[in-house]
Amino acid sequence: MDVKEDLLDKVVSELFSVLDYAEEVVEIIERIQRQYNAGEDPELDSEIFFTLLSDIKAMEECVIKAEKLFNELRRSTRK
């Protein structure tokens, strides 16, 4: 595998990581919405907020890493 393919694989991997974290965030939000719609008090403890914030921060880090890798890939294709 050459450098360009390796970089592209890393970009794709980071973007799939973003999707994984986003899926978990959506599941938590949907669970809270179902509880609210059922007339229940949604579970909004600190663990849920910590999980949401951690997942969102992880998504941000993956996007930043993917952007850096993509820029590196673009530079390598110009050579």
PDB file of N, CA and C in Angstrom:
ATOM      1  N   MET A   1       0.854  -1.170   0.000  1.00  0.00           N
ATOM      2  CA  MET A   1       0.000   0.000   0.000  1.00  0.00           C
ATOM      3  C   MET A   1       0.904   1.238   0.000  1.00  0.00           C
ATOM      4  N   ASP A   2       0.600   2.170  -0.860  1.00  0.00           N
ATOM      5  CA  ASP A   2       1.429   3.371  -0.908  1.00  0.00           C
ATOM      6  C   ASP A   2       0.949   4.392   0.128  1.00  0.00           C
ATOM      7  N   VAL A   3       1.683   5.470   0.234  1.00  0.00           N
ATOM      8  CA  VAL A   3       1.411   6.496   1.243  1.00  0.00           C
ATOM      9  C   VAL A   3       0.021   7.099   1.064  1.00  0.00           C
ATOM     10  N   LYS A   4      -0.373   7.360  -0.169  1.00  0.00           N
ATOM     11  CA  LYS A   4      -1.681   7.977  -0.429  1.00  0.00           C
ATOM     12  C   LYS A   4      -2.820   7.059   0.012  1.00  0.00           C
ATOM     13  N   GLU A   5      -2.696   5.776  -0.309  1.00  0.00           N
ATOM     14  CA  GLU A   5      -3.734   4.824   0.096  1.00  0.00           C
ATOM     15  C   GLU A   5      -3.796   4.718   1.614  1.00  0.00           C
ATOM     16  N   ASP A   6      -2.629   4.711   2.242  1.00  0.00           N
ATOM     17  CA  ASP A   6      -2.573   4.633   3.697  1.00  0.00           C
ATOM     18  C   ASP A   6      -3.249   5.850   4.331  1.00  0.00           C
ATOM     19  N   LEU A   7      -2.954   7.035   3.809  1.00  0.00           N
ATOM     20  CA  LEU A   7      -3.582   8.254   4.326  1.00  0.00           C
ATOM     21  C   LEU A   7      -5.090   8.231   4.119  1.00  0.00           C
ATOM     22  N   LEU A   8      -5.512   7.797   2.944  1.00  0.00           N
ATOM     23  CA  LEU A   8      -6.943   7.726   2.662  1.00  0.00           C
ATOM     24  C   LEU A   8      -7.631   6.740   3.609  1.00  0.00           C
ATOM     25  N   ASP A   9      -7.004   5.600   3.856  1.00  0.00           N
ATOM     26  CA  ASP A   9      -7.559   4.630   4.799  1.00  0.00           C
ATOM     27  C   ASP A   9      -7.694   5.230   6.197  1.00  0.00           C
ATOM     28  N   LYS A  10      -6.706   6.019   6.599  1.00  0.00           N
ATOM     29  CA  LYS A  10      -6.759   6.651   7.920  1.00  0.00           C
ATOM     30  C   LYS A  10      -7.872   7.690   7.992  1.00  0.00           C
ATOM     31  N   VAL A  11      -8.045   8.462   6.920  1.00  0.00           N
ATOM     32  CA  VAL A  11      -9.133   9.450   6.881  1.00  0.00           C
ATOM     33  C   VAL A  11     -10.478   8.739   7.013  1.00  0.00           C
ATOM     34  N   VAL A  12     -10.669   7.697   6.231  1.00  0.00           N
ATOM     35  CA  VAL A  12     -11.929   6.948   6.261  1.00  0.00           C
ATOM     36  C   VAL A  12     -12.156   6.343   7.644  1.00  0.00           C
ATOM     37  N   SER A  13     -11.109   5.818   8.245  1.00  0.00           N
ATOM     38  CA  SER A  13     -11.217   5.231   9.578  1.00  0.00           C
ATOM     39  C   SER A  13     -11.664   6.267  10.606  1.00  0.00           C
ATOM     40  N   GLU A  14     -11.085   7.451  10.550  1.00  0.00           N
ATOM     41  CA  GLU A  14     -11.478   8.518  11.478  1.00  0.00           C
ATOM     42  C   GLU A  14     -12.932   8.922  11.261  1.00  0.00           C
ATOM     43  N   LEU A  15     -13.351   8.996  10.016  1.00  0.00           N
ATOM     44  CA  LEU A  15     -14.738   9.378   9.731  1.00  0.00           C
ATOM     45  C   LEU A  15     -15.720   8.308  10.197  1.00  0.00           C
ATOM     46  N   PHE A  16     -15.342   7.037  10.079  1.00  0.00           N
ATOM     47  CA  PHE A  16     -16.197   5.973  10.606  1.00  0.00           C
ATOM     48  C   PHE A  16     -16.258   6.037  12.128  1.00  0.00           C
ATOM     49  N   SER A  17     -15.169   6.442  12.758  1.00  0.00           N
ATOM     50  CA  SER A  17     -15.188   6.624  14.211  1.00  0.00           C
ATOM     51  C   SER A  17     -16.182   7.709  14.600  1.00  0.00           C
ATOM     52  N   VAL A  18     -16.213   8.783  13.832  1.00  0.00           N
ATOM     53  CA  VAL A  18     -17.182   9.856  14.085  1.00  0.00           C
ATOM     54  C   VAL A  18     -18.599   9.290  14.016  1.00  0.00           C
ATOM     55  N   LEU A  19     -18.855   8.475  13.011  1.00  0.00           N
ATOM     56  CA  LEU A  19     -20.192   7.881  12.870  1.00  0.00           C
ATOM     57  C   LEU A  19     -20.534   6.989  14.052  1.00  0.00           C
ATOM     58  N   ASP A  20     -19.563   6.229  14.550  1.00  0.00           N
ATOM     59  CA  ASP A  20     -19.803   5.370  15.709  1.00  0.00           C
ATOM     60  C   ASP A  20     -20.185   6.193  16.939  1.00  0.00           C
ATOM     61  N   TYR A  21     -19.424   7.259  17.185  1.00  0.00           N
ATOM     62  CA  TYR A  21     -19.744   8.120  18.323  1.00  0.00           C
ATOM     63  C   TYR A  21     -21.102   8.791  18.131  1.00  0.00           C
ATOM     64  N   ALA A  22     -21.376   9.246  16.928  1.00  0.00           N
ATOM     65  CA  ALA A  22     -22.652   9.910  16.648  1.00  0.00           C
ATOM     66  C   ALA A  22     -23.821   8.957  16.871  1.00  0.00           C
ATOM     67  N   GLU A  23     -23.639   7.707  16.502  1.00  0.00           N
ATOM     68  CA  GLU A  23     -24.698   6.713  16.700  1.00  0.00           C
ATOM     69  C   GLU A  23     -25.015   6.560  18.188  1.00  0.00           C
ATOM     70  N   GLU A  24     -23.980   6.532  19.014  1.00  0.00           N
ATOM     71  CA  GLU A  24     -24.203   6.413  20.452  1.00  0.00           C
ATOM     72  C   GLU A  24     -24.920   7.649  21.006  1.00  0.00           C
ATOM     73  N   VAL A  25     -24.531   8.821  20.543  1.00  0.00           N
ATOM     74  CA  VAL A  25     -25.181  10.060  20.978  1.00  0.00           C
ATOM     75  C   VAL A  25     -26.657  10.042  20.587  1.00  0.00           C
ATOM     76  N   VAL A  26     -26.947   9.644  19.368  1.00  0.00           N
ATOM     77  CA  VAL A  26     -28.335   9.582  18.896  1.00  0.00           C
ATOM     78  C   VAL A  26     -29.141   8.586  19.724  1.00  0.00           C
ATOM     79  N   GLU A  27     -28.554   7.437  20.046  1.00  0.00           N
ATOM     80  CA  GLU A  27     -29.262   6.440  20.855  1.00  0.00           C
ATOM     81  C   GLU A  27     -29.626   6.999  22.227  1.00  0.00           C
ATOM     82  N   ILE A  28     -28.701   7.718  22.838  1.00  0.00           N
ATOM     83  CA  ILE A  28     -28.975   8.312  24.151  1.00  0.00           C
ATOM     84  C   ILE A  28     -30.088   9.347  24.043  1.00  0.00           C
ATOM     85  N   ILE A  29     -30.001  10.203  23.052  1.00  0.00           N
ATOM     86  CA  ILE A  29     -31.021  11.246  22.874  1.00  0.00           C
ATOM     87  C   ILE A  29     -32.381  10.625  22.569  1.00  0.00           C
ATOM     88  N   GLU A  30     -32.418   9.581  21.746  1.00  0.00           N
ATOM     89  CA  GLU A  30     -33.688   8.910  21.442  1.00  0.00           C
ATOM     90  C   GLU A  30     -34.281   8.269  22.691  1.00  0.00           C
ATOM     91  N   ARG A  31     -33.430   7.682  23.537  1.00  0.00           N
ATOM     92  CA  ARG A  31     -33.916   7.072  24.777  1.00  0.00           C
ATOM     93  C   ARG A  31     -34.536   8.143  25.684  1.00  0.00           C
ATOM     94  N   ILE A  32     -33.859   9.275  25.799  1.00  0.00           N
ATOM     95  CA  ILE A  32     -34.393  10.379  26.607  1.00  0.00           C
ATOM     96  C   ILE A  32     -35.715  10.870  26.018  1.00  0.00           C
ATOM     97  N   GLN A  33     -35.795  10.982  24.693  1.00  0.00           N
ATOM     98  CA  GLN A  33     -37.021  11.435  24.025  1.00  0.00           C
ATOM     99  C   GLN A  33     -38.169  10.454  24.255  1.00  0.00           C
ATOM    100  N   ARG A  34     -37.895   9.153  24.179  1.00  0.00           N
ATOM    101  CA  ARG A  34     -38.937   8.144  24.426  1.00  0.00           C
ATOM    102  C   ARG A  34     -39.464   8.254  25.859  1.00  0.00           C
ATOM    103  N   GLN A  35     -38.557   8.428  26.810  1.00  0.00           N
ATOM    104  CA  GLN A  35     -38.978   8.570  28.204  1.00  0.00           C
ATOM    105  C   GLN A  35     -39.846   9.815  28.374  1.00  0.00           C
ATOM    106  N   TYR A  36     -39.432  10.890  27.759  1.00  0.00           N
ATOM    107  CA  TYR A  36     -40.188  12.145  27.841  1.00  0.00           C
ATOM    108  C   TYR A  36     -41.569  11.980  27.204  1.00  0.00           C
ATOM    109  N   ASN A  37     -41.625  11.358  26.035  1.00  0.00           N
ATOM    110  CA  ASN A  37     -42.900  11.151  25.332  1.00  0.00           C
ATOM    111  C   ASN A  37     -43.835  10.224  26.096  1.00  0.00           C
ATOM    112  N   ALA A  38     -43.267   9.313  26.878  1.00  0.00           N
ATOM    113  CA  ALA A  38     -44.076   8.388  27.670  1.00  0.00           C
ATOM    114  C   ALA A  38     -44.541   9.026  28.979  1.00  0.00           C
ATOM    115  N   GLY A  39     -44.215  10.294  29.169  1.00  0.00           N
ATOM    116  CA  GLY A  39     -44.630  10.990  30.376  1.00  0.00           C
ATOM    117  C   GLY A  39     -43.740  10.713  31.572  1.00  0.00           C
ATOM    118  N   GLU A  40     -42.629  10.066  31.328  1.00  0.00           N
ATOM    119  CA  GLU A  40     -41.690   9.767  32.408  1.00  0.00           C
ATOM    120  C   GLU A  40     -40.683  10.906  32.538  1.00  0.00           C
ATOM    121  N   ASP A  41     -40.062  10.958  33.699  1.00  0.00           N
ATOM    122  CA  ASP A  41     -38.950  11.886  33.862  1.00  0.00           C
ATOM    123  C   ASP A  41     -37.721  11.231  33.245  1.00  0.00           C
ATOM    124  N   PRO A  42     -37.180  11.833  32.208  1.00  0.00           N
ATOM    125  CA  PRO A  42     -36.005  11.230  31.568  1.00  0.00           C
ATOM    126  C   PRO A  42     -34.832  11.126  32.543  1.00  0.00           C
ATOM    127  N   GLU A  43     -34.068  10.051  32.371  1.00  0.00           N
ATOM    128  CA  GLU A  43     -32.864   9.883  33.183  1.00  0.00           C
ATOM    129  C   GLU A  43     -31.818  10.871  32.681  1.00  0.00           C
ATOM    130  N   LEU A  44     -31.571  11.877  33.462  1.00  0.00           N
ATOM    131  CA  LEU A  44     -30.611  12.903  33.061  1.00  0.00           C
ATOM    132  C   LEU A  44     -29.529  13.043  34.130  1.00  0.00           C
ATOM    133  N   ASP A  45     -28.980  11.913  34.543  1.00  0.00           N
ATOM    134  CA  ASP A  45     -27.951  11.976  35.571  1.00  0.00           C
ATOM    135  C   ASP A  45     -26.610  12.415  34.983  1.00  0.00           C
ATOM    136  N   SER A  46     -25.671  12.649  35.847  1.00  0.00           N
ATOM    137  CA  SER A  46     -24.373  13.168  35.404  1.00  0.00           C
ATOM    138  C   SER A  46     -23.643  12.185  34.496  1.00  0.00           C
ATOM    139  N   GLU A  47     -23.892  10.890  34.663  1.00  0.00           N
ATOM    140  CA  GLU A  47     -23.233   9.896  33.806  1.00  0.00           C
ATOM    141  C   GLU A  47     -23.673  10.047  32.349  1.00  0.00           C
ATOM    142  N   ILE A  48     -24.954  10.305  32.137  1.00  0.00           N
ATOM    143  CA  ILE A  48     -25.460  10.494  30.773  1.00  0.00           C
ATOM    144  C   ILE A  48     -24.842  11.740  30.150  1.00  0.00           C
ATOM    145  N   PHE A  49     -24.812  12.831  30.907  1.00  0.00           N
ATOM    146  CA  PHE A  49     -24.203  14.051  30.380  1.00  0.00           C
ATOM    147  C   PHE A  49     -22.716  13.850  30.104  1.00  0.00           C
ATOM    148  N   PHE A  50     -22.033  13.136  31.000  1.00  0.00           N
ATOM    149  CA  PHE A  50     -20.612  12.865  30.792  1.00  0.00           C
ATOM    150  C   PHE A  50     -20.403  12.049  29.522  1.00  0.00           C
ATOM    151  N   THR A  51     -21.243  11.042  29.319  1.00  0.00           N
ATOM    152  CA  THR A  51     -21.137  10.212  28.112  1.00  0.00           C
ATOM    153  C   THR A  51     -21.371  11.047  26.861  1.00  0.00           C
ATOM    154  N   LEU A  52     -22.412  11.872  26.886  1.00  0.00           N
ATOM    155  CA  LEU A  52     -22.695  12.726  25.728  1.00  0.00           C
ATOM    156  C   LEU A  52     -21.533  13.671  25.441  1.00  0.00           C
ATOM    157  N   LEU A  53     -21.042  14.338  26.467  1.00  0.00           N
ATOM    158  CA  LEU A  53     -19.934  15.271  26.274  1.00  0.00           C
ATOM    159  C   LEU A  53     -18.669  14.561  25.810  1.00  0.00           C
ATOM    160  N   SER A  54     -18.403  13.395  26.371  1.00  0.00           N
ATOM    161  CA  SER A  54     -17.221  12.627  25.967  1.00  0.00           C
ATOM    162  C   SER A  54     -17.313  12.201  24.509  1.00  0.00           C
ATOM    163  N   ASP A  55     -18.494  11.730  24.112  1.00  0.00           N
ATOM    164  CA  ASP A  55     -18.678  11.293  22.728  1.00  0.00           C
ATOM    165  C   ASP A  55     -18.570  12.465  21.757  1.00  0.00           C
ATOM    166  N   ILE A  56     -19.141  13.596  22.132  1.00  0.00           N
ATOM    167  CA  ILE A  56     -19.068  14.773  21.260  1.00  0.00           C
ATOM    168  C   ILE A  56     -17.629  15.257  21.146  1.00  0.00           C
ATOM    169  N   LYS A  57     -16.902  15.255  22.252  1.00  0.00           N
ATOM    170  CA  LYS A  57     -15.487  15.655  22.226  1.00  0.00           C
ATOM    171  C   LYS A  57     -14.682  14.675  21.370  1.00  0.00           C
ATOM    172  N   ALA A  58     -14.958  13.388  21.491  1.00  0.00           N
ATOM    173  CA  ALA A  58     -14.256  12.383  20.690  1.00  0.00           C
ATOM    174  C   ALA A  58     -14.548  12.579  19.203  1.00  0.00           C
ATOM    175  N   MET A  59     -15.807  12.921  18.873  1.00  0.00           N
ATOM    176  CA  MET A  59     -16.144  13.188  17.468  1.00  0.00           C
ATOM    177  C   MET A  59     -15.340  14.369  16.952  1.00  0.00           C
ATOM    178  N   GLU A  60     -15.262  15.417  17.759  1.00  0.00           N
ATOM    179  CA  GLU A  60     -14.499  16.599  17.366  1.00  0.00           C
ATOM    180  C   GLU A  60     -13.033  16.239  17.111  1.00  0.00           C
ATOM    181  N   GLU A  61     -12.453  15.445  17.996  1.00  0.00           N
ATOM    182  CA  GLU A  61     -11.056  15.042  17.837  1.00  0.00           C
ATOM    183  C   GLU A  61     -10.855  14.206  16.572  1.00  0.00           C
ATOM    184  N   CYS A  62     -11.795  13.320  16.283  1.00  0.00           N
ATOM    185  CA  CYS A  62     -11.708  12.501  15.070  1.00  0.00           C
ATOM    186  C   CYS A  62     -11.803  13.364  13.818  1.00  0.00           C
ATOM    187  N   VAL A  63     -12.698  14.341  13.839  1.00  0.00           N
ATOM    188  CA  VAL A  63     -12.850  15.228  12.682  1.00  0.00           C
ATOM    189  C   VAL A  63     -11.574  16.035  12.469  1.00  0.00           C
ATOM    190  N   ILE A  64     -10.997  16.540  13.543  1.00  0.00           N
ATOM    191  CA  ILE A  64      -9.752  17.307  13.431  1.00  0.00           C
ATOM    192  C   ILE A  64      -8.638  16.428  12.877  1.00  0.00           C
ATOM    193  N   LYS A  65      -8.540  15.208  13.388  1.00  0.00           N
ATOM    194  CA  LYS A  65      -7.512  14.284  12.903  1.00  0.00           C
ATOM    195  C   LYS A  65      -7.743  13.943  11.431  1.00  0.00           C
ATOM    196  N   ALA A  66      -9.003  13.685  11.063  1.00  0.00           N
ATOM    197  CA  ALA A  66      -9.321  13.368   9.668  1.00  0.00           C
ATOM    198  C   ALA A  66      -8.981  14.541   8.762  1.00  0.00           C
ATOM    199  N   GLU A  67      -9.263  15.758   9.223  1.00  0.00           N
ATOM    200  CA  GLU A  67      -8.957  16.945   8.428  1.00  0.00           C
ATOM    201  C   GLU A  67      -7.450  17.078   8.206  1.00  0.00           C
ATOM    202  N   LYS A  68      -6.671  16.855   9.247  1.00  0.00           N
ATOM    203  CA  LYS A  68      -5.211  16.928   9.118  1.00  0.00           C
ATOM    204  C   LYS A  68      -4.699  15.867   8.147  1.00  0.00           C
ATOM    205  N   LEU A  69      -5.220  14.655   8.283  1.00  0.00           N
ATOM    206  CA  LEU A  69      -4.806  13.577   7.380  1.00  0.00           C
ATOM    207  C   LEU A  69      -5.212  13.884   5.944  1.00  0.00           C
ATOM    208  N   PHE A  70      -6.423  14.423   5.773  1.00  0.00           N
ATOM    209  CA  PHE A  70      -6.894  14.756   4.430  1.00  0.00           C
ATOM    210  C   PHE A  70      -6.022  15.837   3.808  1.00  0.00           C
ATOM    211  N   ASN A  71      -5.660  16.840   4.604  1.00  0.00           N
ATOM    212  CA  ASN A  71      -4.774  17.891   4.091  1.00  0.00           C
ATOM    213  C   ASN A  71      -3.413  17.326   3.711  1.00  0.00           C
ATOM    214  N   GLU A  72      -2.929  16.396   4.507  1.00  0.00           N
ATOM    215  CA  GLU A  72      -1.665  15.731   4.179  1.00  0.00           C
ATOM    216  C   GLU A  72      -1.802  14.939   2.877  1.00  0.00           C
ATOM    217  N   LEU A  73      -2.934  14.283   2.711  1.00  0.00           N
ATOM    218  CA  LEU A  73      -3.201  13.537   1.482  1.00  0.00           C
ATOM    219  C   LEU A  73      -3.243  14.476   0.285  1.00  0.00           C
ATOM    220  N   ARG A  74      -3.907  15.605   0.428  1.00  0.00           N
ATOM    221  CA  ARG A  74      -3.971  16.587  -0.667  1.00  0.00           C
ATOM    222  C   ARG A  74      -2.579  17.084  -1.043  1.00  0.00           C
ATOM    223  N   ARG A  75      -1.764  17.364  -0.031  1.00  0.00           N
ATOM    224  CA  ARG A  75      -0.394  17.813  -0.313  1.00  0.00           C
ATOM    225  C   ARG A  75       0.397  16.735  -1.044  1.00  0.00           C
ATOM    226  N   SER A  76       0.187  15.492  -0.661  1.00  0.00           N
ATOM    227  CA  SER A  76       0.948  14.404  -1.287  1.00  0.00           C
ATOM    228  C   SER A  76       0.512  14.161  -2.730  1.00  0.00           C
ATOM    229  N   THR A  77      -0.735  14.504  -3.065  1.00  0.00           N
ATOM    230  CA  THR A  77      -1.201  14.293  -4.444  1.00  0.00           C
ATOM    231  C   THR A  77      -0.745  15.406  -5.372  1.00  0.00           C
ATOM    232  N   ARG A  78      -0.328  16.526  -4.809  1.00  0.00           N
ATOM    233  CA  ARG A  78       0.155  17.646  -5.631  1.00  0.00           C
ATOM    234  C   ARG A  78       1.593  17.457  -6.072  1.00  0.00           C
ATOM    235  N   LYS A  79       2.272  16.561  -5.410  1.00  0.00           N
ATOM    236  CA  LYS A  79       3.702  16.355  -5.717  1.00  0.00           C
ATOM    237  C   LYS A  79       3.899  15.579  -6.988  1.00  0.00           C
TER     238      LYS A  79
END
